[in-house]
Amino acid sequence: MNKPKDVNPTYFEQADIAAFIYHALKIPPKPEIRSDGKVVFKFDEDVTDALQRFYENESVPISDFCQKLKTVRSMIFAMKGRAR
């Protein structure tokens, strides 16, 4: 059995990219607030394949993607609400 290699976390500011990765890899992002107050999305696994698929404009079911995007956007509002 191969042990997955350790990867450095990857952060994204864009909700659409985070939602696509969430949809494609079934890995929910971990929202964090930077020191400047911006919410970013952290992925602890290798997302290179999903990111390439995003930029290649892979077709996805729109309803599924929209559901993930709404989830990611709600994370932004929840994190900003906590920061106040």
PDB file of N, CA and C in Angstrom:
ATOM      1  N   MET A   1       0.848  -1.187   0.000  1.00  0.00           N
ATOM      2  CA  MET A   1       0.000   0.000   0.000  1.00  0.00           C
ATOM      3  C   MET A   1       0.890   1.245   0.000  1.00  0.00           C
ATOM      4  N   ASN A   2       0.661   2.130  -0.920  1.00  0.00           N
ATOM      5  CA  ASN A   2       1.446   3.359  -1.018  1.00  0.00           C
ATOM      6  C   ASN A   2       0.903   4.412  -0.086  1.00  0.00           C
ATOM      7  N   LYS A   3       1.804   5.023   0.648  1.00  0.00           N
ATOM      8  CA  LYS A   3       1.424   6.129   1.517  1.00  0.00           C
ATOM      9  C   LYS A   3       1.406   7.409   0.695  1.00  0.00           C
ATOM     10  N   PRO A   4       0.319   8.216   0.801  1.00  0.00           N
ATOM     11  CA  PRO A   4       0.299   9.463   0.032  1.00  0.00           C
ATOM     12  C   PRO A   4       1.438  10.380   0.473  1.00  0.00           C
ATOM     13  N   LYS A   5       2.042  11.027  -0.510  1.00  0.00           N
ATOM     14  CA  LYS A   5       3.137  11.932  -0.173  1.00  0.00           C
ATOM     15  C   LYS A   5       2.599  13.184   0.496  1.00  0.00           C
ATOM     16  N   ASP A   6       3.434  13.752   1.348  1.00  0.00           N
ATOM     17  CA  ASP A   6       3.057  14.995   2.012  1.00  0.00           C
ATOM     18  C   ASP A   6       3.091  16.133   1.003  1.00  0.00           C
ATOM     19  N   VAL A   7       2.081  16.968   1.058  1.00  0.00           N
ATOM     20  CA  VAL A   7       2.036  18.132   0.186  1.00  0.00           C
ATOM     21  C   VAL A   7       1.820  19.370   1.036  1.00  0.00           C
ATOM     22  N   ASN A   8       2.360  20.464   0.564  1.00  0.00           N
ATOM     23  CA  ASN A   8       2.104  21.725   1.241  1.00  0.00           C
ATOM     24  C   ASN A   8       0.681  22.149   0.948  1.00  0.00           C
ATOM     25  N   PRO A   9       0.035  22.789   1.906  1.00  0.00           N
ATOM     26  CA  PRO A   9      -1.334  23.251   1.635  1.00  0.00           C
ATOM     27  C   PRO A   9      -1.344  24.263   0.496  1.00  0.00           C
ATOM     28  N   THR A  10      -2.447  24.266  -0.228  1.00  0.00           N
ATOM     29  CA  THR A  10      -2.656  25.213  -1.312  1.00  0.00           C
ATOM     30  C   THR A  10      -3.805  26.122  -0.917  1.00  0.00           C
ATOM     31  N   TYR A  11      -3.641  27.425  -1.153  1.00  0.00           N
ATOM     32  CA  TYR A  11      -4.654  28.419  -0.795  1.00  0.00           C
ATOM     33  C   TYR A  11      -5.185  29.095  -2.046  1.00  0.00           C
ATOM     34  N   PHE A  12      -6.491  29.335  -2.053  1.00  0.00           N
ATOM     35  CA  PHE A  12      -7.129  30.053  -3.154  1.00  0.00           C
ATOM     36  C   PHE A  12      -8.017  31.150  -2.589  1.00  0.00           C
ATOM     37  N   GLU A  13      -8.005  32.304  -3.242  1.00  0.00           N
ATOM     38  CA  GLU A  13      -8.903  33.395  -2.868  1.00  0.00           C
ATOM     39  C   GLU A  13     -10.233  33.283  -3.593  1.00  0.00           C
ATOM     40  N   GLN A  14     -10.227  32.702  -4.773  1.00  0.00           N
ATOM     41  CA  GLN A  14     -11.422  32.690  -5.613  1.00  0.00           C
ATOM     42  C   GLN A  14     -12.371  31.570  -5.222  1.00  0.00           C
ATOM     43  N   ALA A  15     -13.608  31.958  -4.941  1.00  0.00           N
ATOM     44  CA  ALA A  15     -14.631  30.996  -4.540  1.00  0.00           C
ATOM     45  C   ALA A  15     -14.942  30.010  -5.655  1.00  0.00           C
ATOM     46  N   ASP A  16     -14.899  30.450  -6.922  1.00  0.00           N
ATOM     47  CA  ASP A  16     -15.233  29.546  -8.019  1.00  0.00           C
ATOM     48  C   ASP A  16     -14.212  28.427  -8.164  1.00  0.00           C
ATOM     49  N   ILE A  17     -12.940  28.730  -7.966  1.00  0.00           N
ATOM     50  CA  ILE A  17     -11.914  27.690  -8.039  1.00  0.00           C
ATOM     51  C   ILE A  17     -12.062  26.723  -6.872  1.00  0.00           C
ATOM     52  N   ALA A  18     -12.282  27.263  -5.680  1.00  0.00           N
ATOM     53  CA  ALA A  18     -12.477  26.405  -4.503  1.00  0.00           C
ATOM     54  C   ALA A  18     -13.692  25.500  -4.690  1.00  0.00           C
ATOM     55  N   ALA A  19     -14.761  26.030  -5.261  1.00  0.00           N
ATOM     56  CA  ALA A  19     -15.972  25.244  -5.496  1.00  0.00           C
ATOM     57  C   ALA A  19     -15.719  24.144  -6.526  1.00  0.00           C
ATOM     58  N   PHE A  20     -14.953  24.451  -7.564  1.00  0.00           N
ATOM     59  CA  PHE A  20     -14.660  23.435  -8.573  1.00  0.00           C
ATOM     60  C   PHE A  20     -13.828  22.309  -7.972  1.00  0.00           C
ATOM     61  N   ILE A  21     -12.824  22.656  -7.199  1.00  0.00           N
ATOM     62  CA  ILE A  21     -11.994  21.622  -6.563  1.00  0.00           C
ATOM     63  C   ILE A  21     -12.844  20.780  -5.623  1.00  0.00           C
ATOM     64  N   TYR A  22     -13.702  21.438  -4.865  1.00  0.00           N
ATOM     65  CA  TYR A  22     -14.622  20.737  -3.962  1.00  0.00           C
ATOM     66  C   TYR A  22     -15.478  19.756  -4.765  1.00  0.00           C
ATOM     67  N   HIS A  23     -16.005  20.199  -5.891  1.00  0.00           N
ATOM     68  CA  HIS A  23     -16.833  19.340  -6.737  1.00  0.00           C
ATOM     69  C   HIS A  23     -16.012  18.199  -7.349  1.00  0.00           C
ATOM     70  N   ALA A  24     -14.869  18.534  -7.930  1.00  0.00           N
ATOM     71  CA  ALA A  24     -14.085  17.558  -8.686  1.00  0.00           C
ATOM     72  C   ALA A  24     -13.445  16.499  -7.803  1.00  0.00           C
ATOM     73  N   LEU A  25     -12.917  16.905  -6.656  1.00  0.00           N
ATOM     74  CA  LEU A  25     -12.186  15.974  -5.800  1.00  0.00           C
ATOM     75  C   LEU A  25     -12.958  15.548  -4.556  1.00  0.00           C
ATOM     76  N   LYS A  26     -14.131  16.148  -4.355  1.00  0.00           N
ATOM     77  CA  LYS A  26     -14.952  15.841  -3.171  1.00  0.00           C
ATOM     78  C   LYS A  26     -14.206  16.161  -1.875  1.00  0.00           C
ATOM     79  N   ILE A  27     -13.379  17.206  -1.951  1.00  0.00           N
ATOM     80  CA  ILE A  27     -12.611  17.657  -0.793  1.00  0.00           C
ATOM     81  C   ILE A  27     -13.119  19.038  -0.402  1.00  0.00           C
ATOM     82  N   PRO A  28     -13.797  19.168   0.736  1.00  0.00           N
ATOM     83  CA  PRO A  28     -14.253  20.508   1.117  1.00  0.00           C
ATOM     84  C   PRO A  28     -13.073  21.407   1.497  1.00  0.00           C
ATOM     85  N   PRO A  29     -13.126  22.660   1.082  1.00  0.00           N
ATOM     86  CA  PRO A  29     -12.058  23.587   1.459  1.00  0.00           C
ATOM     87  C   PRO A  29     -12.167  23.955   2.933  1.00  0.00           C
ATOM     88  N   LYS A  30     -11.044  24.368   3.479  1.00  0.00           N
ATOM     89  CA  LYS A  30     -11.012  24.853   4.857  1.00  0.00           C
ATOM     90  C   LYS A  30     -10.829  26.370   4.798  1.00  0.00           C
ATOM     91  N   PRO A  31     -11.871  27.122   5.139  1.00  0.00           N
ATOM     92  CA  PRO A  31     -11.732  28.579   5.073  1.00  0.00           C
ATOM     93  C   PRO A  31     -10.863  29.115   6.207  1.00  0.00           C
ATOM     94  N   GLU A  32     -10.081  30.107   5.884  1.00  0.00           N
ATOM     95  CA  GLU A  32      -9.241  30.798   6.867  1.00  0.00           C
ATOM     96  C   GLU A  32      -9.306  32.295   6.577  1.00  0.00           C
ATOM     97  N   ILE A  33      -9.076  33.086   7.598  1.00  0.00           N
ATOM     98  CA  ILE A  33      -9.032  34.543   7.425  1.00  0.00           C
ATOM     99  C   ILE A  33      -7.582  34.990   7.507  1.00  0.00           C
ATOM    100  N   ARG A  34      -7.135  35.683   6.465  1.00  0.00           N
ATOM    101  CA  ARG A  34      -5.787  36.251   6.472  1.00  0.00           C
ATOM    102  C   ARG A  34      -5.757  37.469   7.384  1.00  0.00           C
ATOM    103  N   SER A  35      -4.578  37.943   7.636  1.00  0.00           N
ATOM    104  CA  SER A  35      -4.410  39.112   8.510  1.00  0.00           C
ATOM    105  C   SER A  35      -5.060  40.368   7.929  1.00  0.00           C
ATOM    106  N   ASP A  36      -5.231  40.410   6.594  1.00  0.00           N
ATOM    107  CA  ASP A  36      -5.873  41.573   5.973  1.00  0.00           C
ATOM    108  C   ASP A  36      -7.398  41.450   5.956  1.00  0.00           C
ATOM    109  N   GLY A  37      -7.932  40.377   6.552  1.00  0.00           N
ATOM    110  CA  GLY A  37      -9.375  40.191   6.626  1.00  0.00           C
ATOM    111  C   GLY A  37      -9.974  39.416   5.468  1.00  0.00           C
ATOM    112  N   LYS A  38      -9.170  39.062   4.489  1.00  0.00           N
ATOM    113  CA  LYS A  38      -9.645  38.310   3.318  1.00  0.00           C
ATOM    114  C   LYS A  38      -9.795  36.835   3.678  1.00  0.00           C
ATOM    115  N   VAL A  39     -10.913  36.246   3.245  1.00  0.00           N
ATOM    116  CA  VAL A  39     -11.128  34.814   3.456  1.00  0.00           C
ATOM    117  C   VAL A  39     -10.472  34.056   2.303  1.00  0.00           C
ATOM    118  N   VAL A  40      -9.667  33.066   2.644  1.00  0.00           N
ATOM    119  CA  VAL A  40      -9.032  32.209   1.651  1.00  0.00           C
ATOM    120  C   VAL A  40      -9.437  30.767   1.929  1.00  0.00           C
ATOM    121  N   PHE A  41      -9.263  29.922   0.924  1.00  0.00           N
ATOM    122  CA  PHE A  41      -9.663  28.525   1.028  1.00  0.00           C
ATOM    123  C   PHE A  41      -8.437  27.632   0.949  1.00  0.00           C
ATOM    124  N   LYS A  42      -8.264  26.814   1.963  1.00  0.00           N
ATOM    125  CA  LYS A  42      -7.093  25.949   2.083  1.00  0.00           C
ATOM    126  C   LYS A  42      -7.470  24.509   1.720  1.00  0.00           C
ATOM    127  N   PHE A  43      -6.592  23.884   0.935  1.00  0.00           N
ATOM    128  CA  PHE A  43      -6.702  22.465   0.621  1.00  0.00           C
ATOM    129  C   PHE A  43      -5.403  21.795   1.054  1.00  0.00           C
ATOM    130  N   ASP A  44      -5.519  20.742   1.853  1.00  0.00           N
ATOM    131  CA  ASP A  44      -4.345  20.048   2.374  1.00  0.00           C
ATOM    132  C   ASP A  44      -3.873  18.910   1.476  1.00  0.00           C
ATOM    133  N   GLU A  45      -4.560  18.679   0.379  1.00  0.00           N
ATOM    134  CA  GLU A  45      -4.191  17.614  -0.547  1.00  0.00           C
ATOM    135  C   GLU A  45      -3.746  18.216  -1.877  1.00  0.00           C
ATOM    136  N   ASP A  46      -3.127  17.395  -2.692  1.00  0.00           N
ATOM    137  CA  ASP A  46      -2.672  17.840  -4.006  1.00  0.00           C
ATOM    138  C   ASP A  46      -3.888  18.109  -4.894  1.00  0.00           C
ATOM    139  N   VAL A  47      -4.038  19.337  -5.326  1.00  0.00           N
ATOM    140  CA  VAL A  47      -5.179  19.736  -6.154  1.00  0.00           C
ATOM    141  C   VAL A  47      -4.750  20.093  -7.575  1.00  0.00           C
ATOM    142  N   THR A  48      -3.537  19.737  -7.939  1.00  0.00           N
ATOM    143  CA  THR A  48      -2.994  20.099  -9.244  1.00  0.00           C
ATOM    144  C   THR A  48      -3.880  19.608 -10.383  1.00  0.00           C
ATOM    145  N   ASP A  49      -4.322  18.355 -10.308  1.00  0.00           N
ATOM    146  CA  ASP A  49      -5.158  17.789 -11.365  1.00  0.00           C
ATOM    147  C   ASP A  49      -6.463  18.566 -11.506  1.00  0.00           C
ATOM    148  N   ALA A  50      -7.115  18.849 -10.390  1.00  0.00           N
ATOM    149  CA  ALA A  50      -8.391  19.580 -10.432  1.00  0.00           C
ATOM    150  C   ALA A  50      -8.185  20.995 -10.960  1.00  0.00           C
ATOM    151  N   LEU A  51      -7.110  21.637 -10.575  1.00  0.00           N
ATOM    152  CA  LEU A  51      -6.834  22.989 -11.048  1.00  0.00           C
ATOM    153  C   LEU A  51      -6.600  22.992 -12.564  1.00  0.00           C
ATOM    154  N   GLN A  52      -5.881  21.996 -13.049  1.00  0.00           N
ATOM    155  CA  GLN A  52      -5.672  21.882 -14.497  1.00  0.00           C
ATOM    156  C   GLN A  52      -7.005  21.676 -15.200  1.00  0.00           C
ATOM    157  N   ARG A  53      -7.861  20.831 -14.651  1.00  0.00           N
ATOM    158  CA  ARG A  53      -9.179  20.585 -15.247  1.00  0.00           C
ATOM    159  C   ARG A  53     -10.021  21.860 -15.258  1.00  0.00           C
ATOM    160  N   PHE A  54      -9.901  22.678 -14.205  1.00  0.00           N
ATOM    161  CA  PHE A  54     -10.627  23.946 -14.144  1.00  0.00           C
ATOM    162  C   PHE A  54     -10.205  24.843 -15.311  1.00  0.00           C
ATOM    163  N   TYR A  55      -8.895  24.986 -15.504  1.00  0.00           N
ATOM    164  CA  TYR A  55      -8.399  25.874 -16.555  1.00  0.00           C
ATOM    165  C   TYR A  55      -8.570  25.296 -17.960  1.00  0.00           C
ATOM    166  N   GLU A  56      -8.810  24.003 -18.058  1.00  0.00           N
ATOM    167  CA  GLU A  56      -9.135  23.394 -19.353  1.00  0.00           C
ATOM    168  C   GLU A  56     -10.624  23.474 -19.646  1.00  0.00           C
ATOM    169  N   ASN A  57     -11.376  24.093 -18.737  1.00  0.00           N
ATOM    170  CA  ASN A  57     -12.806  24.320 -18.920  1.00  0.00           C
ATOM    171  C   ASN A  57     -13.604  23.017 -18.992  1.00  0.00           C
ATOM    172  N   GLU A  58     -13.286  22.119 -18.056  1.00  0.00           N
ATOM    173  CA  GLU A  58     -14.006  20.840 -18.009  1.00  0.00           C
ATOM    174  C   GLU A  58     -15.495  21.076 -17.777  1.00  0.00           C
ATOM    175  N   SER A  59     -16.318  20.342 -18.482  1.00  0.00           N
ATOM    176  CA  SER A  59     -17.765  20.438 -18.301  1.00  0.00           C
ATOM    177  C   SER A  59     -18.173  19.743 -17.006  1.00  0.00           C
ATOM    178  N   VAL A  60     -19.038  20.405 -16.267  1.00  0.00           N
ATOM    179  CA  VAL A  60     -19.564  19.835 -15.027  1.00  0.00           C
ATOM    180  C   VAL A  60     -21.060  20.102 -14.970  1.00  0.00           C
ATOM    181  N   PRO A  61     -21.794  19.267 -14.252  1.00  0.00           N
ATOM    182  CA  PRO A  61     -23.230  19.537 -14.092  1.00  0.00           C
ATOM    183  C   PRO A  61     -23.426  20.869 -13.358  1.00  0.00           C
ATOM    184  N   ILE A  62     -24.144  21.780 -13.967  1.00  0.00           N
ATOM    185  CA  ILE A  62     -24.264  23.138 -13.434  1.00  0.00           C
ATOM    186  C   ILE A  62     -24.916  23.176 -12.063  1.00  0.00           C
ATOM    187  N   SER A  63     -25.920  22.366 -11.855  1.00  0.00           N
ATOM    188  CA  SER A  63     -26.597  22.350 -10.559  1.00  0.00           C
ATOM    189  C   SER A  63     -25.651  21.904  -9.445  1.00  0.00           C
ATOM    190  N   ASP A  64     -24.846  20.895  -9.717  1.00  0.00           N
ATOM    191  CA  ASP A  64     -23.884  20.413  -8.720  1.00  0.00           C
ATOM    192  C   ASP A  64     -22.846  21.487  -8.409  1.00  0.00           C
ATOM    193  N   PHE A  65     -22.337  22.133  -9.464  1.00  0.00           N
ATOM    194  CA  PHE A  65     -21.341  23.181  -9.256  1.00  0.00           C
ATOM    195  C   PHE A  65     -21.925  24.344  -8.470  1.00  0.00           C
ATOM    196  N   CYS A  66     -23.136  24.754  -8.815  1.00  0.00           N
ATOM    197  CA  CYS A  66     -23.776  25.876  -8.111  1.00  0.00           C
ATOM    198  C   CYS A  66     -23.983  25.564  -6.637  1.00  0.00           C
ATOM    199  N   GLN A  67     -24.322  24.322  -6.333  1.00  0.00           N
ATOM    200  CA  GLN A  67     -24.497  23.926  -4.930  1.00  0.00           C
ATOM    201  C   GLN A  67     -23.170  24.062  -4.180  1.00  0.00           C
ATOM    202  N   LYS A  68     -22.083  23.624  -4.794  1.00  0.00           N
ATOM    203  CA  LYS A  68     -20.767  23.744  -4.153  1.00  0.00           C
ATOM    204  C   LYS A  68     -20.368  25.211  -4.015  1.00  0.00           C
ATOM    205  N   LEU A  69     -20.665  26.013  -5.032  1.00  0.00           N
ATOM    206  CA  LEU A  69     -20.339  27.432  -4.972  1.00  0.00           C
ATOM    207  C   LEU A  69     -21.113  28.127  -3.850  1.00  0.00           C
ATOM    208  N   LYS A  70     -22.379  27.788  -3.700  1.00  0.00           N
ATOM    209  CA  LYS A  70     -23.172  28.362  -2.602  1.00  0.00           C
ATOM    210  C   LYS A  70     -22.597  27.967  -1.248  1.00  0.00           C
ATOM    211  N   THR A  71     -22.149  26.729  -1.136  1.00  0.00           N
ATOM    212  CA  THR A  71     -21.542  26.271   0.115  1.00  0.00           C
ATOM    213  C   THR A  71     -20.278  27.052   0.417  1.00  0.00           C
ATOM    214  N   VAL A  72     -19.431  27.225  -0.595  1.00  0.00           N
ATOM    215  CA  VAL A  72     -18.179  27.961  -0.415  1.00  0.00           C
ATOM    216  C   VAL A  72     -18.463  29.412  -0.066  1.00  0.00           C
ATOM    217  N   ARG A  73     -19.415  30.024  -0.744  1.00  0.00           N
ATOM    218  CA  ARG A  73     -19.756  31.427  -0.445  1.00  0.00           C
ATOM    219  C   ARG A  73     -20.304  31.566   0.967  1.00  0.00           C
ATOM    220  N   SER A  74     -21.069  30.593   1.427  1.00  0.00           N
ATOM    221  CA  SER A  74     -21.595  30.668   2.797  1.00  0.00           C
ATOM    222  C   SER A  74     -20.450  30.573   3.808  1.00  0.00           C
ATOM    223  N   MET A  75     -19.376  29.870   3.436  1.00  0.00           N
ATOM    224  CA  MET A  75     -18.196  29.819   4.308  1.00  0.00           C
ATOM    225  C   MET A  75     -17.588  31.206   4.461  1.00  0.00           C
ATOM    226  N   ILE A  76     -17.582  31.975   3.374  1.00  0.00           N
ATOM    227  CA  ILE A  76     -17.044  33.340   3.432  1.00  0.00           C
ATOM    228  C   ILE A  76     -17.836  34.174   4.434  1.00  0.00           C
ATOM    229  N   PHE A  77     -19.161  34.151   4.312  1.00  0.00           N
ATOM    230  CA  PHE A  77     -19.997  34.955   5.203  1.00  0.00           C
ATOM    231  C   PHE A  77     -19.886  34.492   6.650  1.00  0.00           C
ATOM    232  N   ALA A  78     -19.779  33.189   6.858  1.00  0.00           N
ATOM    233  CA  ALA A  78     -19.641  32.653   8.220  1.00  0.00           C
ATOM    234  C   ALA A  78     -18.314  33.100   8.839  1.00  0.00           C
ATOM    235  N   MET A  79     -17.237  33.041   8.075  1.00  0.00           N
ATOM    236  CA  MET A  79     -15.920  33.431   8.592  1.00  0.00           C
ATOM    237  C   MET A  79     -15.870  34.932   8.877  1.00  0.00           C
ATOM    238  N   LYS A  80     -16.438  35.733   7.975  1.00  0.00           N
ATOM    239  CA  LYS A  80     -16.449  37.183   8.198  1.00  0.00           C
ATOM    240  C   LYS A  80     -17.322  37.554   9.383  1.00  0.00           C
ATOM    241  N   GLY A  81     -18.397  36.802   9.589  1.00  0.00           N
ATOM    242  CA  GLY A  81     -19.264  37.037  10.730  1.00  0.00           C
ATOM    243  C   GLY A  81     -18.557  36.751  12.043  1.00  0.00           C
ATOM    244  N   ARG A  82     -17.710  35.748  12.068  1.00  0.00           N
ATOM    245  CA  ARG A  82     -16.944  35.403  13.270  1.00  0.00           C
ATOM    246  C   ARG A  82     -15.876  36.427  13.573  1.00  0.00           C
ATOM    247  N   ALA A  83     -15.350  37.037  12.510  1.00  0.00           N
ATOM    248  CA  ALA A  83     -14.246  37.991  12.680  1.00  0.00           C
ATOM    249  C   ALA A  83     -14.698  39.312  13.290  1.00  0.00           C
ATOM    250  N   ARG A  84     -15.984  39.562  13.282  1.00  0.00           N
ATOM    251  CA  ARG A  84     -16.475  40.849  13.803  1.00  0.00           C
ATOM    252  C   ARG A  84     -16.540  40.879  15.284  1.00  0.00           C
TER     253      ARG A  84
END
